[in-house]
Amino acid sequence: MGWNEPYFGVGHEGHIEPSDAALMWAKFMMPLATETELTLVSPTSNRKKTQWTADFIKACYANRFDEVNPCDVDTIEKFAIHDYNCSEKHWRKFYDGTHE
């Protein structure tokens, strides 16, 4: 699994820019997953902060032809989302795949 809510801590130690995360994904996460035969899960986001994840995917895709560490968005098998709502209606509305 990638980072947990890496957008927190702007200006602090915990914040990771999406472009930096994409480089680290290509350099460390992808080779490690290949070597250990593990499935990769995206960095975790919450439903209200999905722009960071979108920017991460865009940065990874932009680096797909990098000569040293090409990034492959297809290595992301699952997307991790934090959503602290226990209502079935909420989960169906946002995550069941049948609503636009």
PDB file of N, CA and C in Angstrom:
ATOM      1  N   MET A   1       0.844  -1.176   0.000  1.00  0.00           N
ATOM      2  CA  MET A   1       0.000   0.000   0.000  1.00  0.00           C
ATOM      3  C   MET A   1       0.884   1.231   0.000  1.00  0.00           C
ATOM      4  N   GLY A   2       0.427   2.242  -0.715  1.00  0.00           N
ATOM      5  CA  GLY A   2       1.159   3.502  -0.765  1.00  0.00           C
ATOM      6  C   GLY A   2       0.991   4.294   0.524  1.00  0.00           C
ATOM      7  N   TRP A   3       1.260   5.548   0.469  1.00  0.00           N
ATOM      8  CA  TRP A   3       1.242   6.424   1.636  1.00  0.00           C
ATOM      9  C   TRP A   3      -0.168   6.635   2.161  1.00  0.00           C
ATOM     10  N   ASN A   4      -0.250   6.950   3.442  1.00  0.00           N
ATOM     11  CA  ASN A   4      -1.528   7.238   4.075  1.00  0.00           C
ATOM     12  C   ASN A   4      -1.742   8.746   4.112  1.00  0.00           C
ATOM     13  N   GLU A   5      -2.721   9.222   3.353  1.00  0.00           N
ATOM     14  CA  GLU A   5      -3.089  10.629   3.316  1.00  0.00           C
ATOM     15  C   GLU A   5      -1.858  11.533   3.218  1.00  0.00           C
ATOM     16  N   PRO A   6      -1.073  11.398   2.146  1.00  0.00           N
ATOM     17  CA  PRO A   6       0.200  12.101   2.005  1.00  0.00           C
ATOM     18  C   PRO A   6       0.092  13.597   1.769  1.00  0.00           C
ATOM     19  N   TYR A   7      -1.110  14.118   1.635  1.00  0.00           N
ATOM     20  CA  TYR A   7      -1.314  15.544   1.378  1.00  0.00           C
ATOM     21  C   TYR A   7      -1.344  16.351   2.655  1.00  0.00           C
ATOM     22  N   PHE A   8      -1.440  15.697   3.808  1.00  0.00           N
ATOM     23  CA  PHE A   8      -1.433  16.438   5.069  1.00  0.00           C
ATOM     24  C   PHE A   8      -0.035  16.915   5.397  1.00  0.00           C
ATOM     25  N   GLY A   9       0.041  17.978   6.136  1.00  0.00           N
ATOM     26  CA  GLY A   9       1.331  18.472   6.600  1.00  0.00           C
ATOM     27  C   GLY A   9       2.026  19.386   5.612  1.00  0.00           C
ATOM     28  N   VAL A  10       1.278  20.175   4.823  1.00  0.00           N
ATOM     29  CA  VAL A  10       1.912  21.091   3.881  1.00  0.00           C
ATOM     30  C   VAL A  10       2.927  21.930   4.641  1.00  0.00           C
ATOM     31  N   GLY A  11       4.146  21.943   4.135  1.00  0.00           N
ATOM     32  CA  GLY A  11       5.211  22.668   4.804  1.00  0.00           C
ATOM     33  C   GLY A  11       5.818  21.900   5.969  1.00  0.00           C
ATOM     34  N   HIS A  12       5.339  20.701   6.172  1.00  0.00           N
ATOM     35  CA  HIS A  12       5.838  19.878   7.265  1.00  0.00           C
ATOM     36  C   HIS A  12       6.445  18.599   6.707  1.00  0.00           C
ATOM     37  N   GLU A  13       7.042  17.864   7.569  1.00  0.00           N
ATOM     38  CA  GLU A  13       7.737  16.634   7.196  1.00  0.00           C
ATOM     39  C   GLU A  13       6.832  15.601   6.532  1.00  0.00           C
ATOM     40  N   GLY A  14       5.562  15.523   6.905  1.00  0.00           N
ATOM     41  CA  GLY A  14       4.683  14.473   6.408  1.00  0.00           C
ATOM     42  C   GLY A  14       4.146  14.662   5.005  1.00  0.00           C
ATOM     43  N   HIS A  15       4.208  15.869   4.479  1.00  0.00           N
ATOM     44  CA  HIS A  15       3.628  16.147   3.165  1.00  0.00           C
ATOM     45  C   HIS A  15       4.506  15.600   2.041  1.00  0.00           C
ATOM     46  N   ILE A  16       3.872  14.933   1.075  1.00  0.00           N
ATOM     47  CA  ILE A  16       4.577  14.436  -0.107  1.00  0.00           C
ATOM     48  C   ILE A  16       3.865  15.004  -1.329  1.00  0.00           C
ATOM     49  N   GLU A  17       4.599  15.673  -2.187  1.00  0.00           N
ATOM     50  CA  GLU A  17       4.017  16.183  -3.427  1.00  0.00           C
ATOM     51  C   GLU A  17       3.670  15.001  -4.334  1.00  0.00           C
ATOM     52  N   PRO A  18       2.579  15.085  -5.086  1.00  0.00           N
ATOM     53  CA  PRO A  18       2.204  13.993  -5.986  1.00  0.00           C
ATOM     54  C   PRO A  18       3.323  13.613  -6.966  1.00  0.00           C
ATOM     55  N   SER A  19       4.032  14.596  -7.494  1.00  0.00           N
ATOM     56  CA  SER A  19       5.116  14.302  -8.442  1.00  0.00           C
ATOM     57  C   SER A  19       6.255  13.538  -7.762  1.00  0.00           C
ATOM     58  N   ASP A  20       6.569  13.889  -6.516  1.00  0.00           N
ATOM     59  CA  ASP A  20       7.605  13.159  -5.774  1.00  0.00           C
ATOM     60  C   ASP A  20       7.143  11.739  -5.468  1.00  0.00           C
ATOM     61  N   ALA A  21       5.871  11.595  -5.120  1.00  0.00           N
ATOM     62  CA  ALA A  21       5.324  10.268  -4.833  1.00  0.00           C
ATOM     63  C   ALA A  21       5.372   9.386  -6.077  1.00  0.00           C
ATOM     64  N   ALA A  22       5.098   9.964  -7.241  1.00  0.00           N
ATOM     65  CA  ALA A  22       5.145   9.191  -8.490  1.00  0.00           C
ATOM     66  C   ALA A  22       6.566   8.700  -8.766  1.00  0.00           C
ATOM     67  N   LEU A  23       7.552   9.541  -8.496  1.00  0.00           N
ATOM     68  CA  LEU A  23       8.949   9.116  -8.677  1.00  0.00           C
ATOM     69  C   LEU A  23       9.318   7.999  -7.709  1.00  0.00           C
ATOM     70  N   MET A  24       8.893   8.134  -6.443  1.00  0.00           N
ATOM     71  CA  MET A  24       9.174   7.098  -5.447  1.00  0.00           C
ATOM     72  C   MET A  24       8.423   5.811  -5.770  1.00  0.00           C
ATOM     73  N   TRP A  25       7.219   5.953  -6.303  1.00  0.00           N
ATOM     74  CA  TRP A  25       6.417   4.789  -6.705  1.00  0.00           C
ATOM     75  C   TRP A  25       7.186   3.971  -7.740  1.00  0.00           C
ATOM     76  N   ALA A  26       7.706   4.680  -8.745  1.00  0.00           N
ATOM     77  CA  ALA A  26       8.445   4.007  -9.823  1.00  0.00           C
ATOM     78  C   ALA A  26       9.769   3.427  -9.335  1.00  0.00           C
ATOM     79  N   LYS A  27      10.442   4.157  -8.473  1.00  0.00           N
ATOM     80  CA  LYS A  27      11.781   3.736  -8.034  1.00  0.00           C
ATOM     81  C   LYS A  27      11.744   2.639  -6.967  1.00  0.00           C
ATOM     82  N   PHE A  28      10.763   2.704  -6.063  1.00  0.00           N
ATOM     83  CA  PHE A  28      10.759   1.778  -4.934  1.00  0.00           C
ATOM     84  C   PHE A  28       9.571   0.813  -4.912  1.00  0.00           C
ATOM     85  N   MET A  29       8.365   1.352  -5.032  1.00  0.00           N
ATOM     86  CA  MET A  29       7.173   0.525  -4.845  1.00  0.00           C
ATOM     87  C   MET A  29       6.997  -0.512  -5.955  1.00  0.00           C
ATOM     88  N   MET A  30       7.133  -0.082  -7.202  1.00  0.00           N
ATOM     89  CA  MET A  30       6.946  -1.018  -8.313  1.00  0.00           C
ATOM     90  C   MET A  30       7.969  -2.156  -8.287  1.00  0.00           C
ATOM     91  N   PRO A  31       9.268  -1.860  -8.139  1.00  0.00           N
ATOM     92  CA  PRO A  31      10.234  -2.963  -8.090  1.00  0.00           C
ATOM     93  C   PRO A  31      10.016  -3.893  -6.888  1.00  0.00           C
ATOM     94  N   LEU A  32       9.678  -3.305  -5.742  1.00  0.00           N
ATOM     95  CA  LEU A  32       9.438  -4.115  -4.542  1.00  0.00           C
ATOM     96  C   LEU A  32       8.248  -5.052  -4.755  1.00  0.00           C
ATOM     97  N   ALA A  33       7.183  -4.536  -5.343  1.00  0.00           N
ATOM     98  CA  ALA A  33       6.000  -5.371  -5.604  1.00  0.00           C
ATOM     99  C   ALA A  33       6.334  -6.496  -6.570  1.00  0.00           C
ATOM    100  N   THR A  34       7.103  -6.184  -7.593  1.00  0.00           N
ATOM    101  CA  THR A  34       7.506  -7.214  -8.555  1.00  0.00           C
ATOM    102  C   THR A  34       8.349  -8.285  -7.883  1.00  0.00           C
ATOM    103  N   GLU A  35       9.311  -7.839  -7.096  1.00  0.00           N
ATOM    104  CA  GLU A  35      10.227  -8.779  -6.427  1.00  0.00           C
ATOM    105  C   GLU A  35       9.512  -9.678  -5.429  1.00  0.00           C
ATOM    106  N   THR A  36       8.516  -9.143  -4.746  1.00  0.00           N
ATOM    107  CA  THR A  36       7.826  -9.901  -3.699  1.00  0.00           C
ATOM    108  C   THR A  36       6.484 -10.482  -4.161  1.00  0.00           C
ATOM    109  N   GLU A  37       6.134 -10.222  -5.416  1.00  0.00           N
ATOM    110  CA  GLU A  37       4.874 -10.690  -5.989  1.00  0.00           C
ATOM    111  C   GLU A  37       3.659 -10.206  -5.205  1.00  0.00           C
ATOM    112  N   LEU A  38       3.725  -8.948  -4.778  1.00  0.00           N
ATOM    113  CA  LEU A  38       2.614  -8.343  -4.050  1.00  0.00           C
ATOM    114  C   LEU A  38       1.803  -7.436  -4.964  1.00  0.00           C
ATOM    115  N   THR A  39       0.550  -7.234  -4.617  1.00  0.00           N
ATOM    116  CA  THR A  39      -0.339  -6.333  -5.329  1.00  0.00           C
ATOM    117  C   THR A  39      -0.189  -4.933  -4.749  1.00  0.00           C
ATOM    118  N   LEU A  40      -0.147  -3.926  -5.627  1.00  0.00           N
ATOM    119  CA  LEU A  40      -0.014  -2.552  -5.148  1.00  0.00           C
ATOM    120  C   LEU A  40      -1.374  -1.886  -4.986  1.00  0.00           C
ATOM    121  N   VAL A  41      -1.500  -1.177  -3.870  1.00  0.00           N
ATOM    122  CA  VAL A  41      -2.690  -0.401  -3.561  1.00  0.00           C
ATOM    123  C   VAL A  41      -2.267   1.065  -3.541  1.00  0.00           C
ATOM    124  N   SER A  42      -3.100   1.921  -4.093  1.00  0.00           N
ATOM    125  CA  SER A  42      -2.770   3.347  -4.202  1.00  0.00           C
ATOM    126  C   SER A  42      -2.486   3.974  -2.846  1.00  0.00           C
ATOM    127  N   PRO A  43      -1.842   5.143  -2.859  1.00  0.00           N
ATOM    128  CA  PRO A  43      -1.790   5.928  -1.627  1.00  0.00           C
ATOM    129  C   PRO A  43      -3.224   6.190  -1.165  1.00  0.00           C
ATOM    130  N   THR A  44      -3.434   6.200   0.133  1.00  0.00           N
ATOM    131  CA  THR A  44      -4.771   6.361   0.681  1.00  0.00           C
ATOM    132  C   THR A  44      -5.184   7.826   0.685  1.00  0.00           C
ATOM    133  N   SER A  45      -6.414   8.046   0.265  1.00  0.00           N
ATOM    134  CA  SER A  45      -6.984   9.391   0.243  1.00  0.00           C
ATOM    135  C   SER A  45      -8.319   9.337   0.971  1.00  0.00           C
ATOM    136  N   ASN A  46      -8.804  10.503   1.341  1.00  0.00           N
ATOM    137  CA  ASN A  46     -10.192  10.510   1.784  1.00  0.00           C
ATOM    138  C   ASN A  46     -11.027  11.086   0.650  1.00  0.00           C
ATOM    139  N   ARG A  47     -12.298  10.889   0.686  1.00  0.00           N
ATOM    140  CA  ARG A  47     -13.170  11.237  -0.434  1.00  0.00           C
ATOM    141  C   ARG A  47     -13.104  12.709  -0.790  1.00  0.00           C
ATOM    142  N   LYS A  48     -12.795  13.573   0.152  1.00  0.00           N
ATOM    143  CA  LYS A  48     -12.762  15.013  -0.110  1.00  0.00           C
ATOM    144  C   LYS A  48     -11.402  15.493  -0.612  1.00  0.00           C
ATOM    145  N   LYS A  49     -10.400  14.617  -0.637  1.00  0.00           N
ATOM    146  CA  LYS A  49      -9.048  15.011  -1.041  1.00  0.00           C
ATOM    147  C   LYS A  49      -8.568  14.198  -2.241  1.00  0.00           C
ATOM    148  N   THR A  50      -9.450  13.895  -3.151  1.00  0.00           N
ATOM    149  CA  THR A  50      -9.078  13.049  -4.283  1.00  0.00           C
ATOM    150  C   THR A  50      -8.191  13.755  -5.308  1.00  0.00           C
ATOM    151  N   GLN A  51      -8.066  15.085  -5.237  1.00  0.00           N
ATOM    152  CA  GLN A  51      -7.225  15.795  -6.202  1.00  0.00           C
ATOM    153  C   GLN A  51      -5.766  15.354  -6.084  1.00  0.00           C
ATOM    154  N   TRP A  52      -5.292  15.097  -4.862  1.00  0.00           N
ATOM    155  CA  TRP A  52      -3.912  14.636  -4.699  1.00  0.00           C
ATOM    156  C   TRP A  52      -3.723  13.326  -5.457  1.00  0.00           C
ATOM    157  N   THR A  53      -4.663  12.401  -5.313  1.00  0.00           N
ATOM    158  CA  THR A  53      -4.560  11.112  -6.001  1.00  0.00           C
ATOM    159  C   THR A  53      -4.590  11.303  -7.512  1.00  0.00           C
ATOM    160  N   ALA A  54      -5.463  12.171  -7.991  1.00  0.00           N
ATOM    161  CA  ALA A  54      -5.518  12.448  -9.430  1.00  0.00           C
ATOM    162  C   ALA A  54      -4.186  13.022  -9.915  1.00  0.00           C
ATOM    163  N   ASP A  55      -3.607  13.925  -9.149  1.00  0.00           N
ATOM    164  CA  ASP A  55      -2.318  14.516  -9.529  1.00  0.00           C
ATOM    165  C   ASP A  55      -1.201  13.473  -9.488  1.00  0.00           C
ATOM    166  N   PHE A  56      -1.267  12.560  -8.534  1.00  0.00           N
ATOM    167  CA  PHE A  56      -0.294  11.473  -8.442  1.00  0.00           C
ATOM    168  C   PHE A  56      -0.375  10.586  -9.690  1.00  0.00           C
ATOM    169  N   ILE A  57      -1.573  10.219 -10.089  1.00  0.00           N
ATOM    170  CA  ILE A  57      -1.757   9.374 -11.274  1.00  0.00           C
ATOM    171  C   ILE A  57      -1.274  10.094 -12.527  1.00  0.00           C
ATOM    172  N   LYS A  58      -1.597  11.378 -12.637  1.00  0.00           N
ATOM    173  CA  LYS A  58      -1.128  12.167 -13.790  1.00  0.00           C
ATOM    174  C   LYS A  58       0.397  12.215 -13.831  1.00  0.00           C
ATOM    175  N   ALA A  59       1.035  12.414 -12.674  1.00  0.00           N
ATOM    176  CA  ALA A  59       2.498  12.484 -12.618  1.00  0.00           C
ATOM    177  C   ALA A  59       3.122  11.139 -12.963  1.00  0.00           C
ATOM    178  N   CYS A  60       2.536  10.068 -12.484  1.00  0.00           N
ATOM    179  CA  CYS A  60       3.028   8.731 -12.817  1.00  0.00           C
ATOM    180  C   CYS A  60       2.917   8.502 -14.320  1.00  0.00           C
ATOM    181  N   TYR A  61       1.774   8.823 -14.877  1.00  0.00           N
ATOM    182  CA  TYR A  61       1.558   8.634 -16.308  1.00  0.00           C
ATOM    183  C   TYR A  61       2.534   9.483 -17.128  1.00  0.00           C
ATOM    184  N   ALA A  62       2.781  10.694 -16.682  1.00  0.00           N
ATOM    185  CA  ALA A  62       3.714  11.582 -17.386  1.00  0.00           C
ATOM    186  C   ALA A  62       5.137  11.020 -17.381  1.00  0.00           C
ATOM    187  N   ASN A  63       5.456  10.209 -16.366  1.00  0.00           N
ATOM    188  CA  ASN A  63       6.801   9.623 -16.242  1.00  0.00           C
ATOM    189  C   ASN A  63       6.882   8.217 -16.834  1.00  0.00           C
ATOM    190  N   ARG A  64       5.900   7.822 -17.612  1.00  0.00           N
ATOM    191  CA  ARG A  64       5.859   6.442 -18.123  1.00  0.00           C
ATOM    192  C   ARG A  64       7.023   6.098 -19.043  1.00  0.00           C
ATOM    193  N   PHE A  65       7.642   7.098 -19.658  1.00  0.00           N
ATOM    194  CA  PHE A  65       8.765   6.831 -20.566  1.00  0.00           C
ATOM    195  C   PHE A  65      10.113   7.226 -19.960  1.00  0.00           C
ATOM    196  N   ASP A  66      10.142   7.487 -18.662  1.00  0.00           N
ATOM    197  CA  ASP A  66      11.403   7.844 -18.004  1.00  0.00           C
ATOM    198  C   ASP A  66      12.422   6.735 -18.233  1.00  0.00           C
ATOM    199  N   GLU A  67      13.638   7.118 -18.595  1.00  0.00           N
ATOM    200  CA  GLU A  67      14.664   6.114 -18.932  1.00  0.00           C
ATOM    201  C   GLU A  67      15.191   5.359 -17.727  1.00  0.00           C
ATOM    202  N   VAL A  68      15.164   5.970 -16.554  1.00  0.00           N
ATOM    203  CA  VAL A  68      15.706   5.318 -15.354  1.00  0.00           C
ATOM    204  C   VAL A  68      14.615   4.633 -14.535  1.00  0.00           C
ATOM    205  N   ASN A  69      13.548   5.358 -14.237  1.00  0.00           N
ATOM    206  CA  ASN A  69      12.457   4.835 -13.400  1.00  0.00           C
ATOM    207  C   ASN A  69      11.100   5.132 -14.030  1.00  0.00           C
ATOM    208  N   PRO A  70      10.722   4.386 -15.068  1.00  0.00           N
ATOM    209  CA  PRO A  70       9.406   4.640 -15.667  1.00  0.00           C
ATOM    210  C   PRO A  70       8.288   4.254 -14.693  1.00  0.00           C
ATOM    211  N   CYS A  71       7.269   5.076 -14.659  1.00  0.00           N
ATOM    212  CA  CYS A  71       6.141   4.826 -13.760  1.00  0.00           C
ATOM    213  C   CYS A  71       4.986   4.239 -14.562  1.00  0.00           C
ATOM    214  N   ASP A  72       4.358   3.216 -14.040  1.00  0.00           N
ATOM    215  CA  ASP A  72       3.277   2.534 -14.735  1.00  0.00           C
ATOM    216  C   ASP A  72       2.016   2.581 -13.877  1.00  0.00           C
ATOM    217  N   VAL A  73       1.030   3.365 -14.294  1.00  0.00           N
ATOM    218  CA  VAL A  73      -0.207   3.480 -13.514  1.00  0.00           C
ATOM    219  C   VAL A  73      -0.956   2.152 -13.426  1.00  0.00           C
ATOM    220  N   ASP A  74      -0.701   1.262 -14.362  1.00  0.00           N
ATOM    221  CA  ASP A  74      -1.376  -0.039 -14.334  1.00  0.00           C
ATOM    222  C   ASP A  74      -0.901  -0.936 -13.192  1.00  0.00           C
ATOM    223  N   THR A  75       0.151  -0.532 -12.482  1.00  0.00           N
ATOM    224  CA  THR A  75       0.590  -1.315 -11.323  1.00  0.00           C
ATOM    225  C   THR A  75      -0.329  -1.095 -10.123  1.00  0.00           C
ATOM    226  N   ILE A  76      -1.183  -0.077 -10.188  1.00  0.00           N
ATOM    227  CA  ILE A  76      -2.123   0.200  -9.103  1.00  0.00           C
ATOM    228  C   ILE A  76      -3.327  -0.723  -9.291  1.00  0.00           C
ATOM    229  N   GLU A  77      -3.387  -1.753  -8.479  1.00  0.00           N
ATOM    230  CA  GLU A  77      -4.448  -2.758  -8.589  1.00  0.00           C
ATOM    231  C   GLU A  77      -5.738  -2.339  -7.895  1.00  0.00           C
ATOM    232  N   LYS A  78      -5.602  -1.584  -6.811  1.00  0.00           N
ATOM    233  CA  LYS A  78      -6.761  -1.151  -6.013  1.00  0.00           C
ATOM    234  C   LYS A  78      -6.518   0.277  -5.555  1.00  0.00           C
ATOM    235  N   PHE A  79      -7.603   0.989  -5.271  1.00  0.00           N
ATOM    236  CA  PHE A  79      -7.521   2.340  -4.735  1.00  0.00           C
ATOM    237  C   PHE A  79      -8.030   2.335  -3.301  1.00  0.00           C
ATOM    238  N   ALA A  80      -7.251   2.939  -2.411  1.00  0.00           N
ATOM    239  CA  ALA A  80      -7.605   2.999  -0.996  1.00  0.00           C
ATOM    240  C   ALA A  80      -8.243   4.356  -0.691  1.00  0.00           C
ATOM    241  N   ILE A  81      -9.399   4.315  -0.037  1.00  0.00           N
ATOM    242  CA  ILE A  81     -10.123   5.531   0.320  1.00  0.00           C
ATOM    243  C   ILE A  81     -10.572   5.421   1.772  1.00  0.00           C
ATOM    244  N   HIS A  82     -10.277   6.470   2.547  1.00  0.00           N
ATOM    245  CA  HIS A  82     -10.812   6.570   3.900  1.00  0.00           C
ATOM    246  C   HIS A  82     -12.137   7.309   3.817  1.00  0.00           C
ATOM    247  N   ASP A  83     -13.145   6.754   4.393  1.00  0.00           N
ATOM    248  CA  ASP A  83     -14.429   7.432   4.467  1.00  0.00           C
ATOM    249  C   ASP A  83     -15.091   6.969   5.753  1.00  0.00           C
ATOM    250  N   TYR A  84     -15.172   7.869   6.701  1.00  0.00           N
ATOM    251  CA  TYR A  84     -15.629   7.512   8.040  1.00  0.00           C
ATOM    252  C   TYR A  84     -17.133   7.701   8.197  1.00  0.00           C
ATOM    253  N   ASN A  85     -17.889   7.101   7.308  1.00  0.00           N
ATOM    254  CA  ASN A  85     -19.340   7.189   7.358  1.00  0.00           C
ATOM    255  C   ASN A  85     -19.886   5.763   7.351  1.00  0.00           C
ATOM    256  N   CYS A  86     -20.712   5.455   8.326  1.00  0.00           N
ATOM    257  CA  CYS A  86     -21.208   4.084   8.459  1.00  0.00           C
ATOM    258  C   CYS A  86     -22.578   3.867   7.833  1.00  0.00           C
ATOM    259  N   SER A  87     -23.085   4.832   7.094  1.00  0.00           N
ATOM    260  CA  SER A  87     -24.403   4.712   6.490  1.00  0.00           C
ATOM    261  C   SER A  87     -24.336   3.910   5.185  1.00  0.00           C
ATOM    262  N   GLU A  88     -25.171   2.884   5.087  1.00  0.00           N
ATOM    263  CA  GLU A  88     -25.218   2.090   3.857  1.00  0.00           C
ATOM    264  C   GLU A  88     -25.585   2.972   2.669  1.00  0.00           C
ATOM    265  N   LYS A  89     -26.508   3.900   2.854  1.00  0.00           N
ATOM    266  CA  LYS A  89     -26.926   4.807   1.782  1.00  0.00           C
ATOM    267  C   LYS A  89     -25.724   5.608   1.266  1.00  0.00           C
ATOM    268  N   HIS A  90     -24.890   6.084   2.153  1.00  0.00           N
ATOM    269  CA  HIS A  90     -23.689   6.837   1.776  1.00  0.00           C
ATOM    270  C   HIS A  90     -22.752   5.973   0.923  1.00  0.00           C
ATOM    271  N   TRP A  91     -22.490   4.755   1.359  1.00  0.00           N
ATOM    272  CA  TRP A  91     -21.577   3.878   0.633  1.00  0.00           C
ATOM    273  C   TRP A  91     -22.134   3.500  -0.729  1.00  0.00           C
ATOM    274  N   ARG A  92     -23.425   3.251  -0.805  1.00  0.00           N
ATOM    275  CA  ARG A  92     -24.033   2.945  -2.106  1.00  0.00           C
ATOM    276  C   ARG A  92     -23.948   4.155  -3.037  1.00  0.00           C
ATOM    277  N   LYS A  93     -24.179   5.335  -2.477  1.00  0.00           N
ATOM    278  CA  LYS A  93     -24.155   6.553  -3.287  1.00  0.00           C
ATOM    279  C   LYS A  93     -22.770   6.800  -3.902  1.00  0.00           C
ATOM    280  N   PHE A  94     -21.716   6.607  -3.126  1.00  0.00           N
ATOM    281  CA  PHE A  94     -20.384   6.962  -3.591  1.00  0.00           C
ATOM    282  C   PHE A  94     -19.539   5.813  -4.120  1.00  0.00           C
ATOM    283  N   TYR A  95     -19.865   4.577  -3.766  1.00  0.00           N
ATOM    284  CA  TYR A  95     -18.933   3.499  -4.069  1.00  0.00           C
ATOM    285  C   TYR A  95     -19.490   2.270  -4.752  1.00  0.00           C
ATOM    286  N   ASP A  96     -20.775   2.193  -5.025  1.00  0.00           N
ATOM    287  CA  ASP A  96     -21.279   0.944  -5.597  1.00  0.00           C
ATOM    288  C   ASP A  96     -21.112   0.861  -7.117  1.00  0.00           C
ATOM    289  N   GLY A  97     -20.682   1.945  -7.741  1.00  0.00           N
ATOM    290  CA  GLY A  97     -20.388   1.893  -9.168  1.00  0.00           C
ATOM    291  C   GLY A  97     -21.582   2.071 -10.080  1.00  0.00           C
ATOM    292  N   THR A  98     -22.771   2.293  -9.515  1.00  0.00           N
ATOM    293  CA  THR A  98     -23.948   2.439 -10.373  1.00  0.00           C
ATOM    294  C   THR A  98     -24.416   3.883 -10.474  1.00  0.00           C
ATOM    295  N   HIS A  99     -23.811   4.801  -9.721  1.00  0.00           N
ATOM    296  CA  HIS A  99     -24.229   6.198  -9.739  1.00  0.00           C
ATOM    297  C   HIS A  99     -23.164   7.051 -10.409  1.00  0.00           C
ATOM    298  N   GLU A 100     -23.588   8.082 -11.070  1.00  0.00           N
ATOM    299  CA  GLU A 100     -22.672   9.018 -11.737  1.00  0.00           C
ATOM    300  C   GLU A 100     -22.282  10.110 -10.787  1.00  0.00           C
TER     301      GLU A 100
END
